[in-house]
Amino acid sequence: MDRPRIDEILPRADGSRYALVMIAAKRARQINNYYHSLGEGTIGMEQLTPPLVSTRSTNLLTIALEEIADGKLEFQRAE
């Protein structure tokens, strides 16, 4: 899956485009921190989650959206 379609992943964020963007951006930052930690050799200091899907993409946001499309991430709206 190279580019998940918005209509496929929008229901996973309660139908809110804003929530989808926020979830994907936060996860992309987490993936970036993981890769950055690998380069510095500090992966043992924090618990960072590697990408949860196998992909050919190097774009962090695309990886995050693929994780959402595959159901690897769960979203809970704060009350």
PDB file of N, CA and C in Angstrom:
ATOM      1  N   MET A   1       0.860  -1.173   0.000  1.00  0.00           N
ATOM      2  CA  MET A   1       0.000   0.000   0.000  1.00  0.00           C
ATOM      3  C   MET A   1       0.901   1.228   0.000  1.00  0.00           C
ATOM      4  N   ASP A   2       0.890   1.976  -1.078  1.00  0.00           N
ATOM      5  CA  ASP A   2       1.723   3.166  -1.149  1.00  0.00           C
ATOM      6  C   ASP A   2       1.020   4.390  -0.606  1.00  0.00           C
ATOM      7  N   ARG A   3      -0.196   4.588  -1.006  1.00  0.00           N
ATOM      8  CA  ARG A   3      -0.922   5.778  -0.568  1.00  0.00           C
ATOM      9  C   ARG A   3      -2.339   5.371  -0.179  1.00  0.00           C
ATOM     10  N   PRO A   4      -2.612   5.285   1.107  1.00  0.00           N
ATOM     11  CA  PRO A   4      -3.985   4.942   1.499  1.00  0.00           C
ATOM     12  C   PRO A   4      -4.939   6.074   1.127  1.00  0.00           C
ATOM     13  N   ARG A   5      -6.118   5.698   0.700  1.00  0.00           N
ATOM     14  CA  ARG A   5      -7.125   6.684   0.307  1.00  0.00           C
ATOM     15  C   ARG A   5      -7.778   7.275   1.549  1.00  0.00           C
ATOM     16  N   ILE A   6      -8.068   8.556   1.471  1.00  0.00           N
ATOM     17  CA  ILE A   6      -8.647   9.274   2.610  1.00  0.00           C
ATOM     18  C   ILE A   6      -9.994   8.675   3.019  1.00  0.00           C
ATOM     19  N   ASP A   7     -10.795   8.245   2.045  1.00  0.00           N
ATOM     20  CA  ASP A   7     -12.099   7.689   2.392  1.00  0.00           C
ATOM     21  C   ASP A   7     -11.989   6.338   3.094  1.00  0.00           C
ATOM     22  N   GLU A   8     -10.855   5.677   2.964  1.00  0.00           N
ATOM     23  CA  GLU A   8     -10.649   4.405   3.657  1.00  0.00           C
ATOM     24  C   GLU A   8     -10.211   4.605   5.109  1.00  0.00           C
ATOM     25  N   ILE A   9      -9.459   5.665   5.367  1.00  0.00           N
ATOM     26  CA  ILE A   9      -8.921   5.840   6.712  1.00  0.00           C
ATOM     27  C   ILE A   9      -9.664   6.874   7.550  1.00  0.00           C
ATOM     28  N   LEU A  10     -10.504   7.667   6.934  1.00  0.00           N
ATOM     29  CA  LEU A  10     -11.254   8.688   7.671  1.00  0.00           C
ATOM     30  C   LEU A  10     -12.150   8.096   8.763  1.00  0.00           C
ATOM     31  N   PRO A  11     -12.831   6.971   8.524  1.00  0.00           N
ATOM     32  CA  PRO A  11     -13.651   6.394   9.600  1.00  0.00           C
ATOM     33  C   PRO A  11     -12.842   5.975  10.834  1.00  0.00           C
ATOM     34  N   ARG A  12     -11.564   5.717  10.672  1.00  0.00           N
ATOM     35  CA  ARG A  12     -10.731   5.317  11.811  1.00  0.00           C
ATOM     36  C   ARG A  12     -10.436   6.488  12.740  1.00  0.00           C
ATOM     37  N   ALA A  13     -10.739   7.712  12.284  1.00  0.00           N
ATOM     38  CA  ALA A  13     -10.533   8.912  13.109  1.00  0.00           C
ATOM     39  C   ALA A  13     -11.868   9.579  13.402  1.00  0.00           C
ATOM     40  N   ASP A  14     -12.896   8.795  13.564  1.00  0.00           N
ATOM     41  CA  ASP A  14     -14.249   9.277  13.853  1.00  0.00           C
ATOM     42  C   ASP A  14     -14.776  10.211  12.772  1.00  0.00           C
ATOM     43  N   GLY A  15     -14.294  10.053  11.549  1.00  0.00           N
ATOM     44  CA  GLY A  15     -14.786  10.867  10.442  1.00  0.00           C
ATOM     45  C   GLY A  15     -14.268  12.292  10.429  1.00  0.00           C
ATOM     46  N   SER A  16     -13.316  12.605  11.274  1.00  0.00           N
ATOM     47  CA  SER A  16     -12.796  13.956  11.374  1.00  0.00           C
ATOM     48  C   SER A  16     -11.450  14.056  10.662  1.00  0.00           C
ATOM     49  N   ARG A  17     -11.369  14.916   9.661  1.00  0.00           N
ATOM     50  CA  ARG A  17     -10.100  15.113   8.958  1.00  0.00           C
ATOM     51  C   ARG A  17      -9.064  15.724   9.892  1.00  0.00           C
ATOM     52  N   TYR A  18      -9.496  16.622  10.750  1.00  0.00           N
ATOM     53  CA  TYR A  18      -8.581  17.250  11.702  1.00  0.00           C
ATOM     54  C   TYR A  18      -7.961  16.190  12.616  1.00  0.00           C
ATOM     55  N   ALA A  19      -8.777  15.297  13.150  1.00  0.00           N
ATOM     56  CA  ALA A  19      -8.270  14.244  14.034  1.00  0.00           C
ATOM     57  C   ALA A  19      -7.308  13.335  13.281  1.00  0.00           C
ATOM     58  N   LEU A  20      -7.628  13.004  12.041  1.00  0.00           N
ATOM     59  CA  LEU A  20      -6.758  12.161  11.235  1.00  0.00           C
ATOM     60  C   LEU A  20      -5.397  12.816  11.033  1.00  0.00           C
ATOM     61  N   VAL A  21      -5.396  14.100  10.725  1.00  0.00           N
ATOM     62  CA  VAL A  21      -4.140  14.835  10.534  1.00  0.00           C
ATOM     63  C   VAL A  21      -3.329  14.849  11.822  1.00  0.00           C
ATOM     64  N   MET A  22      -3.976  15.088  12.938  1.00  0.00           N
ATOM     65  CA  MET A  22      -3.277  15.145  14.219  1.00  0.00           C
ATOM     66  C   MET A  22      -2.687  13.778  14.594  1.00  0.00           C
ATOM     67  N   ILE A  23      -3.440  12.716  14.381  1.00  0.00           N
ATOM     68  CA  ILE A  23      -2.964  11.365  14.688  1.00  0.00           C
ATOM     69  C   ILE A  23      -1.760  11.029  13.813  1.00  0.00           C
ATOM     70  N   ALA A  24      -1.879  11.274  12.515  1.00  0.00           N
ATOM     71  CA  ALA A  24      -0.798  10.951  11.584  1.00  0.00           C
ATOM     72  C   ALA A  24       0.451  11.785  11.865  1.00  0.00           C
ATOM     73  N   ALA A  25       0.287  13.058  12.171  1.00  0.00           N
ATOM     74  CA  ALA A  25       1.440  13.921  12.445  1.00  0.00           C
ATOM     75  C   ALA A  25       2.161  13.484  13.721  1.00  0.00           C
ATOM     76  N   LYS A  26       1.400  13.139  14.741  1.00  0.00           N
ATOM     77  CA  LYS A  26       2.018  12.701  16.000  1.00  0.00           C
ATOM     78  C   LYS A  26       2.786  11.397  15.789  1.00  0.00           C
ATOM     79  N   ARG A  27       2.185  10.477  15.048  1.00  0.00           N
ATOM     80  CA  ARG A  27       2.857   9.195  14.795  1.00  0.00           C
ATOM     81  C   ARG A  27       4.095   9.387  13.921  1.00  0.00           C
ATOM     82  N   ALA A  28       4.028  10.284  12.945  1.00  0.00           N
ATOM     83  CA  ALA A  28       5.192  10.560  12.093  1.00  0.00           C
ATOM     84  C   ALA A  28       6.342  11.106  12.938  1.00  0.00           C
ATOM     85  N   ARG A  29       6.035  11.958  13.916  1.00  0.00           N
ATOM     86  CA  ARG A  29       7.080  12.465  14.812  1.00  0.00           C
ATOM     87  C   ARG A  29       7.677  11.339  15.657  1.00  0.00           C
ATOM     88  N   GLN A  30       6.844  10.400  16.098  1.00  0.00           N
ATOM     89  CA  GLN A  30       7.345   9.272  16.880  1.00  0.00           C
ATOM     90  C   GLN A  30       8.278   8.404  16.042  1.00  0.00           C
ATOM     91  N   ILE A  31       7.912   8.161  14.791  1.00  0.00           N
ATOM     92  CA  ILE A  31       8.754   7.370  13.901  1.00  0.00           C
ATOM     93  C   ILE A  31      10.072   8.103  13.648  1.00  0.00           C
ATOM     94  N   ASN A  32      10.000   9.410  13.449  1.00  0.00           N
ATOM     95  CA  ASN A  32      11.201  10.211  13.244  1.00  0.00           C
ATOM     96  C   ASN A  32      12.122  10.117  14.466  1.00  0.00           C
ATOM     97  N   ASN A  33      11.566  10.204  15.655  1.00  0.00           N
ATOM     98  CA  ASN A  33      12.361  10.084  16.876  1.00  0.00           C
ATOM     99  C   ASN A  33      13.014   8.710  16.980  1.00  0.00           C
ATOM    100  N   TYR A  34      12.297   7.676  16.545  1.00  0.00           N
ATOM    101  CA  TYR A  34      12.851   6.321  16.549  1.00  0.00           C
ATOM    102  C   TYR A  34      14.074   6.245  15.642  1.00  0.00           C
ATOM    103  N   TYR A  35      13.934   6.729  14.409  1.00  0.00           N
ATOM    104  CA  TYR A  35      15.059   6.682  13.469  1.00  0.00           C
ATOM    105  C   TYR A  35      16.217   7.552  13.943  1.00  0.00           C
ATOM    106  N   HIS A  36      15.913   8.688  14.535  1.00  0.00           N
ATOM    107  CA  HIS A  36      16.952   9.572  15.052  1.00  0.00           C
ATOM    108  C   HIS A  36      17.708   8.895  16.195  1.00  0.00           C
ATOM    109  N   SER A  37      17.001   8.184  17.048  1.00  0.00           N
ATOM    110  CA  SER A  37      17.627   7.480  18.165  1.00  0.00           C
ATOM    111  C   SER A  37      18.528   6.352  17.690  1.00  0.00           C
ATOM    112  N   LEU A  38      18.139   5.691  16.597  1.00  0.00           N
ATOM    113  CA  LEU A  38      18.985   4.627  16.052  1.00  0.00           C
ATOM    114  C   LEU A  38      20.331   5.190  15.628  1.00  0.00           C
ATOM    115  N   GLY A  39      20.316   6.351  15.006  1.00  0.00           N
ATOM    116  CA  GLY A  39      21.540   6.971  14.534  1.00  0.00           C
ATOM    117  C   GLY A  39      22.459   7.395  15.668  1.00  0.00           C
ATOM    118  N   GLU A  40      21.883   7.788  16.770  1.00  0.00           N
ATOM    119  CA  GLU A  40      22.676   8.234  17.916  1.00  0.00           C
ATOM    120  C   GLU A  40      23.051   7.083  18.848  1.00  0.00           C
ATOM    121  N   GLY A  41      22.440   5.928  18.648  1.00  0.00           N
ATOM    122  CA  GLY A  41      22.720   4.793  19.520  1.00  0.00           C
ATOM    123  C   GLY A  41      22.076   4.912  20.880  1.00  0.00           C
ATOM    124  N   THR A  42      20.993   5.666  20.991  1.00  0.00           N
ATOM    125  CA  THR A  42      20.335   5.878  22.281  1.00  0.00           C
ATOM    126  C   THR A  42      18.999   5.143  22.372  1.00  0.00           C
ATOM    127  N   ILE A  43      18.817   4.126  21.565  1.00  0.00           N
ATOM    128  CA  ILE A  43      17.532   3.436  21.527  1.00  0.00           C
ATOM    129  C   ILE A  43      17.213   2.760  22.866  1.00  0.00           C
ATOM    130  N   GLY A  44      18.193   2.389  23.648  1.00  0.00           N
ATOM    131  CA  GLY A  44      17.935   1.726  24.916  1.00  0.00           C
ATOM    132  C   GLY A  44      17.445   2.662  25.998  1.00  0.00           C
ATOM    133  N   MET A  45      17.633   3.963  25.832  1.00  0.00           N
ATOM    134  CA  MET A  45      17.262   4.915  26.866  1.00  0.00           C
ATOM    135  C   MET A  45      15.763   5.164  26.915  1.00  0.00           C
ATOM    136  N   GLU A  46      15.088   5.070  25.807  1.00  0.00           N
ATOM    137  CA  GLU A  46      13.652   5.310  25.746  1.00  0.00           C
ATOM    138  C   GLU A  46      12.973   4.149  25.049  1.00  0.00           C
ATOM    139  N   GLN A  47      11.711   4.001  25.304  1.00  0.00           N
ATOM    140  CA  GLN A  47      10.935   3.013  24.592  1.00  0.00           C
ATOM    141  C   GLN A  47      10.316   3.686  23.379  1.00  0.00           C
ATOM    142  N   LEU A  48      10.909   3.516  22.237  1.00  0.00           N
ATOM    143  CA  LEU A  48      10.398   4.090  21.006  1.00  0.00           C
ATOM    144  C   LEU A  48       9.913   2.966  20.113  1.00  0.00           C
ATOM    145  N   THR A  49       8.762   3.164  19.514  1.00  0.00           N
ATOM    146  CA  THR A  49       8.158   2.143  18.682  1.00  0.00           C
ATOM    147  C   THR A  49       8.595   2.312  17.234  1.00  0.00           C
ATOM    148  N   PRO A  50       9.143   1.261  16.644  1.00  0.00           N
ATOM    149  CA  PRO A  50       9.522   1.337  15.233  1.00  0.00           C
ATOM    150  C   PRO A  50       8.268   1.335  14.364  1.00  0.00           C
ATOM    151  N   PRO A  51       8.407   1.584  13.074  1.00  0.00           N
ATOM    152  CA  PRO A  51       7.233   1.516  12.187  1.00  0.00           C
ATOM    153  C   PRO A  51       6.549   0.156  12.306  1.00  0.00           C
ATOM    154  N   LEU A  52       5.235   0.159  12.308  1.00  0.00           N
ATOM    155  CA  LEU A  52       4.453  -1.057  12.528  1.00  0.00           C
ATOM    156  C   LEU A  52       4.051  -1.749  11.236  1.00  0.00           C
ATOM    157  N   VAL A  53       4.430  -1.200  10.095  1.00  0.00           N
ATOM    158  CA  VAL A  53       4.109  -1.798   8.800  1.00  0.00           C
ATOM    159  C   VAL A  53       5.377  -1.881   7.953  1.00  0.00           C
ATOM    160  N   SER A  54       5.397  -2.852   7.066  1.00  0.00           N
ATOM    161  CA  SER A  54       6.476  -2.930   6.087  1.00  0.00           C
ATOM    162  C   SER A  54       6.061  -2.104   4.888  1.00  0.00           C
ATOM    163  N   THR A  55       6.937  -1.217   4.456  1.00  0.00           N
ATOM    164  CA  THR A  55       6.595  -0.321   3.367  1.00  0.00           C
ATOM    165  C   THR A  55       7.835   0.040   2.570  1.00  0.00           C
ATOM    166  N   ARG A  56       7.610   0.442   1.335  1.00  0.00           N
ATOM    167  CA  ARG A  56       8.711   0.925   0.499  1.00  0.00           C
ATOM    168  C   ARG A  56       8.901   2.425   0.680  1.00  0.00           C
ATOM    169  N   SER A  57       7.953   3.065   1.290  1.00  0.00           N
ATOM    170  CA  SER A  57       7.983   4.515   1.436  1.00  0.00           C
ATOM    171  C   SER A  57       9.014   4.952   2.470  1.00  0.00           C
ATOM    172  N   THR A  58       9.643   6.093   2.191  1.00  0.00           N
ATOM    173  CA  THR A  58      10.551   6.693   3.166  1.00  0.00           C
ATOM    174  C   THR A  58       9.919   7.941   3.783  1.00  0.00           C
ATOM    175  N   ASN A  59       8.734   8.307   3.319  1.00  0.00           N
ATOM    176  CA  ASN A  59       8.021   9.463   3.839  1.00  0.00           C
ATOM    177  C   ASN A  59       7.349   9.069   5.151  1.00  0.00           C
ATOM    178  N   LEU A  60       7.705   9.755   6.222  1.00  0.00           N
ATOM    179  CA  LEU A  60       7.209   9.397   7.552  1.00  0.00           C
ATOM    180  C   LEU A  60       5.699   9.545   7.671  1.00  0.00           C
ATOM    181  N   LEU A  61       5.146  10.552   7.039  1.00  0.00           N
ATOM    182  CA  LEU A  61       3.697  10.750   7.093  1.00  0.00           C
ATOM    183  C   LEU A  61       2.968   9.636   6.353  1.00  0.00           C
ATOM    184  N   THR A  62       3.512   9.198   5.236  1.00  0.00           N
ATOM    185  CA  THR A  62       2.918   8.086   4.492  1.00  0.00           C
ATOM    186  C   THR A  62       2.957   6.815   5.324  1.00  0.00           C
ATOM    187  N   ILE A  63       4.066   6.580   6.014  1.00  0.00           N
ATOM    188  CA  ILE A  63       4.172   5.403   6.883  1.00  0.00           C
ATOM    189  C   ILE A  63       3.108   5.468   7.980  1.00  0.00           C
ATOM    190  N   ALA A  64       2.938   6.635   8.575  1.00  0.00           N
ATOM    191  CA  ALA A  64       1.929   6.802   9.628  1.00  0.00           C
ATOM    192  C   ALA A  64       0.526   6.552   9.086  1.00  0.00           C
ATOM    193  N   LEU A  65       0.221   7.070   7.899  1.00  0.00           N
ATOM    194  CA  LEU A  65      -1.096   6.855   7.304  1.00  0.00           C
ATOM    195  C   LEU A  65      -1.309   5.386   6.950  1.00  0.00           C
ATOM    196  N   GLU A  66      -0.261   4.691   6.523  1.00  0.00           N
ATOM    197  CA  GLU A  66      -0.385   3.259   6.247  1.00  0.00           C
ATOM    198  C   GLU A  66      -0.663   2.481   7.528  1.00  0.00           C
ATOM    199  N   GLU A  67      -0.045   2.889   8.631  1.00  0.00           N
ATOM    200  CA  GLU A  67      -0.316   2.239   9.909  1.00  0.00           C
ATOM    201  C   GLU A  67      -1.777   2.438  10.316  1.00  0.00           C
ATOM    202  N   ILE A  68      -2.278   3.625  10.102  1.00  0.00           N
ATOM    203  CA  ILE A  68      -3.691   3.902  10.415  1.00  0.00           C
ATOM    204  C   ILE A  68      -4.598   3.058   9.528  1.00  0.00           C
ATOM    205  N   ALA A  69      -4.291   3.000   8.241  1.00  0.00           N
ATOM    206  CA  ALA A  69      -5.109   2.230   7.294  1.00  0.00           C
ATOM    207  C   ALA A  69      -5.113   0.745   7.636  1.00  0.00           C
ATOM    208  N   ASP A  70      -3.992   0.220   8.134  1.00  0.00           N
ATOM    209  CA  ASP A  70      -3.902  -1.192   8.490  1.00  0.00           C
ATOM    210  C   ASP A  70      -4.482  -1.501   9.866  1.00  0.00           C
ATOM    211  N   GLY A  71      -4.929  -0.477  10.577  1.00  0.00           N
ATOM    212  CA  GLY A  71      -5.524  -0.687  11.887  1.00  0.00           C
ATOM    213  C   GLY A  71      -4.500  -0.933  12.979  1.00  0.00           C
ATOM    214  N   LYS A  72      -3.266  -0.516  12.763  1.00  0.00           N
ATOM    215  CA  LYS A  72      -2.204  -0.718  13.756  1.00  0.00           C
ATOM    216  C   LYS A  72      -2.260   0.323  14.877  1.00  0.00           C
ATOM    217  N   LEU A  73      -2.934   1.437  14.634  1.00  0.00           N
ATOM    218  CA  LEU A  73      -3.049   2.494  15.636  1.00  0.00           C
ATOM    219  C   LEU A  73      -4.503   2.634  16.059  1.00  0.00           C
ATOM    220  N   GLU A  74      -4.713   2.871  17.328  1.00  0.00           N
ATOM    221  CA  GLU A  74      -6.060   3.096  17.846  1.00  0.00           C
ATOM    222  C   GLU A  74      -6.178   4.544  18.284  1.00  0.00           C
ATOM    223  N   PHE A  75      -7.351   5.098  18.110  1.00  0.00           N
ATOM    224  CA  PHE A  75      -7.605   6.493  18.436  1.00  0.00           C
ATOM    225  C   PHE A  75      -8.728   6.550  19.459  1.00  0.00           C
ATOM    226  N   GLN A  76      -8.500   7.293  20.526  1.00  0.00           N
ATOM    227  CA  GLN A  76      -9.539   7.520  21.513  1.00  0.00           C
ATOM    228  C   GLN A  76      -9.662   9.018  21.728  1.00  0.00           C
ATOM    229  N   ARG A  77     -10.850   9.518  21.528  1.00  0.00           N
ATOM    230  CA  ARG A  77     -11.103  10.959  21.689  1.00  0.00           C
ATOM    231  C   ARG A  77     -11.102  11.299  23.172  1.00  0.00           C
ATOM    232  N   ALA A  78     -10.394  12.344  23.529  1.00  0.00           N
ATOM    233  CA  ALA A  78     -10.363  12.794  24.918  1.00  0.00           C
ATOM    234  C   ALA A  78     -11.691  13.462  25.258  1.00  0.00           C
ATOM    235  N   GLU A  79     -12.170  13.164  26.409  1.00  0.00           N
ATOM    236  CA  GLU A  79     -13.455  13.736  26.846  1.00  0.00           C
ATOM    237  C   GLU A  79     -13.249  15.028  27.557  1.00  0.00           C
TER     238      GLU A  79
END
